[in-house]
Amino acid sequence: MCLISRVELDTPGWKLVSAAREILGESITEISLKALSEIDSRQMVENLLEVEALPEETRDLILEKSEGNPFFVEEVIRMLIDRGAIRRVNGNWVAGGNIDQVEIPDNLQGLLLARIDRLPEDVKHTLRVASVIGRQFPVKVLEQVLGENVQ
């Protein structure tokens, strides 16, 4: 059995972790994941993009705001690509001239909301409806609620 939980003790997963500790005792193996170090985060950015021309200030800002969260790093990079601040030229990633003007949100929630705001209206509508339905559901349920085929 594998249990995954957030580090905050008030999250629902911790009840299950506590129960597993009580029942399984010494036979349980726990692995705690820590935030990436600055060196590891920097290496991740380099591995994901291989952008030679990424300004050092932009790289430092990404690392500072991500606080070692690899998902945040990936989402920032996706946002920069979506906004054209980083683009592929002749098979290589290059920083665009507007990269210094792209504002990077302070946290993951802000980053995701900023990316959602840039979606077309029909996609945002579908996303809002899906969020009301729940975390997991068959596509057919979404299609029925929307009254259309979802691609």
Protein backbone atom coordinates (compact mmCIF):
# COMPACT_ATOMS: atom_id res chain seq x y z
CA MET A 1 0.00 0.00 0.00
CA CYS A 2 1.28 3.45 -0.85
CA LEU A 3 -0.07 6.55 0.87
CA ILE A 4 0.64 10.06 -0.31
CA SER A 5 -0.21 13.10 1.75
CA ARG A 6 0.61 16.77 1.96
CA VAL A 7 2.90 17.93 4.74
CA GLU A 8 0.18 19.90 6.52
CA LEU A 9 -1.08 17.75 9.39
CA ASP A 10 -4.66 19.01 9.04
CA THR A 11 -5.12 17.49 5.57
CA PRO A 12 -7.46 14.48 5.25
CA GLY A 13 -4.64 12.15 4.20
CA TRP A 14 -2.99 12.40 7.59
CA LYS A 15 -5.82 10.48 9.27
CA LEU A 16 -5.01 7.57 6.99
CA VAL A 17 -1.27 7.93 7.61
CA SER A 18 -1.87 7.96 11.37
CA ALA A 19 -4.06 4.86 11.14
CA ALA A 20 -1.43 3.07 9.05
CA ARG A 21 1.24 3.93 11.64
CA GLU A 22 -0.94 2.53 14.43
CA ILE A 23 -1.82 -0.68 12.59
CA LEU A 24 1.48 -1.41 10.84
CA GLY A 25 3.91 0.02 13.40
CA GLU A 26 7.55 -0.67 12.57
CA SER A 27 6.77 -2.31 9.23
CA ILE A 28 5.84 1.01 7.66
CA THR A 29 8.39 2.85 5.54
CA GLU A 30 7.97 6.59 5.22
CA ILE A 31 9.62 8.75 2.59
CA SER A 32 9.39 12.50 3.08
CA LEU A 33 9.96 14.60 0.00
CA LYS A 34 11.56 17.95 0.55
CA ALA A 35 11.55 21.01 -1.69
CA LEU A 36 14.20 21.03 -4.38
CA SER A 37 17.39 22.85 -3.49
CA GLU A 38 18.27 25.94 -5.49
CA ILE A 39 20.89 23.94 -7.40
CA ASP A 40 18.38 21.18 -8.21
CA SER A 41 15.73 23.73 -9.22
CA ARG A 42 18.23 25.51 -11.48
CA GLN A 43 19.19 22.17 -13.03
CA MET A 44 15.51 21.37 -13.61
CA VAL A 45 14.97 24.65 -15.47
CA GLU A 46 18.03 23.96 -17.59
CA ASN A 47 16.95 20.37 -18.31
CA LEU A 48 13.40 21.37 -19.22
CA LEU A 49 14.34 24.19 -21.52
CA GLU A 50 18.01 24.21 -22.34
CA VAL A 51 17.60 27.96 -22.83
CA GLU A 52 21.00 29.51 -23.09
CA ALA A 53 19.61 33.02 -23.49
CA LEU A 54 17.24 32.97 -20.50
CA PRO A 55 18.14 36.14 -18.59
CA GLU A 56 19.68 35.41 -15.20
CA GLU A 57 17.15 37.72 -13.49
CA THR A 58 14.26 35.71 -14.97
CA ARG A 59 15.84 32.41 -13.98
CA ASP A 60 16.41 33.72 -10.44
CA LEU A 61 12.81 34.97 -10.22
CA ILE A 62 11.47 31.55 -11.29
CA LEU A 63 13.65 29.85 -8.68
CA GLU A 64 12.73 32.32 -5.95
CA LYS A 65 8.99 32.07 -6.51
CA SER A 66 8.92 28.29 -6.98
CA GLU A 67 10.52 27.69 -3.56
CA GLY A 68 11.72 24.29 -4.72
CA ASN A 69 8.33 23.10 -5.99
CA PRO A 70 9.00 21.26 -9.28
CA PHE A 71 5.36 21.53 -10.41
CA PHE A 72 5.51 25.32 -9.99
CA VAL A 73 8.72 25.44 -12.07
CA GLU A 74 7.04 23.45 -14.85
CA GLU A 75 3.93 25.64 -14.79
CA VAL A 76 5.98 28.86 -14.91
CA ILE A 77 7.82 27.53 -17.94
CA ARG A 78 4.51 26.58 -19.60
CA MET A 79 3.18 30.07 -18.87
CA LEU A 80 6.29 31.67 -20.42
CA ILE A 81 5.87 29.48 -23.51
CA ASP A 82 2.12 30.27 -23.73
CA ARG A 83 2.86 33.99 -23.62
CA GLY A 84 5.60 33.76 -26.23
CA ALA A 85 8.29 34.86 -23.78
CA ILE A 86 10.11 31.61 -24.54
CA ARG A 87 9.78 30.05 -27.98
CA ARG A 88 11.34 27.39 -30.15
CA VAL A 89 13.58 28.62 -32.92
CA ASN A 90 15.39 26.09 -35.13
CA GLY A 91 14.85 23.34 -32.53
CA ASN A 92 16.19 25.40 -29.61
CA TRP A 93 14.37 27.32 -26.88
CA VAL A 94 15.14 31.03 -26.87
CA ALA A 95 14.01 33.86 -24.65
CA GLY A 96 11.94 36.50 -26.41
CA GLY A 97 12.42 40.21 -26.04
CA ASN A 98 9.33 40.51 -23.84
CA ILE A 99 10.47 37.99 -21.21
CA ASP A 100 11.35 40.71 -18.70
CA GLN A 101 7.82 42.11 -18.95
CA VAL A 102 6.01 38.85 -18.07
CA GLU A 103 4.82 38.94 -14.49
CA ILE A 104 5.27 35.65 -12.65
CA PRO A 105 2.61 35.10 -9.96
CA ASP A 106 3.79 34.60 -6.37
CA ASN A 107 2.24 31.18 -5.82
CA LEU A 108 0.94 28.13 -7.66
CA GLN A 109 -2.71 29.11 -7.25
CA GLY A 110 -2.07 32.54 -8.75
CA LEU A 111 -0.09 30.98 -11.57
CA LEU A 112 -2.84 28.51 -12.45
CA LEU A 113 -5.52 31.21 -12.24
CA ALA A 114 -3.48 33.43 -14.56
CA ARG A 115 -3.18 30.58 -17.06
CA ILE A 116 -6.92 29.86 -16.83
CA ASP A 117 -7.72 33.55 -17.42
CA ARG A 118 -5.94 33.36 -20.78
CA LEU A 119 -8.12 30.48 -22.02
CA PRO A 120 -10.88 31.11 -24.58
CA GLU A 121 -14.30 31.82 -23.03
CA ASP A 122 -15.85 28.50 -24.12
CA VAL A 123 -12.99 26.56 -22.53
CA LYS A 124 -13.27 28.57 -19.30
CA HIS A 125 -17.02 27.83 -19.24
CA THR A 126 -16.37 24.10 -19.63
CA LEU A 127 -13.74 24.28 -16.88
CA ARG A 128 -16.15 26.06 -14.52
CA VAL A 129 -18.87 23.47 -15.14
CA ALA A 130 -16.40 20.61 -14.65
CA SER A 131 -15.21 22.12 -11.36
CA VAL A 132 -18.78 22.10 -10.04
CA ILE A 133 -19.33 18.46 -11.04
CA GLY A 134 -16.40 17.30 -8.95
CA ARG A 135 -12.81 16.08 -8.97
CA GLN A 136 -13.45 12.96 -11.04
CA PHE A 137 -16.26 12.13 -13.41
CA PRO A 138 -16.87 10.44 -16.73
CA VAL A 139 -16.71 12.72 -19.78
CA LYS A 140 -20.27 11.65 -20.57
CA VAL A 141 -21.47 13.42 -17.40
CA LEU A 142 -19.80 16.64 -18.51
CA GLU A 143 -21.29 16.25 -21.98
CA GLN A 144 -24.77 15.79 -20.52
CA VAL A 145 -24.47 18.82 -18.25
CA LEU A 146 -23.14 20.96 -21.10
CA GLY A 147 -25.54 19.45 -23.60
CA GLU A 148 -22.77 18.98 -26.19
CA ASN A 149 -19.91 16.69 -27.17
CA VAL A 150 -16.68 17.48 -25.33
CA GLN A 151 -13.51 16.96 -27.33
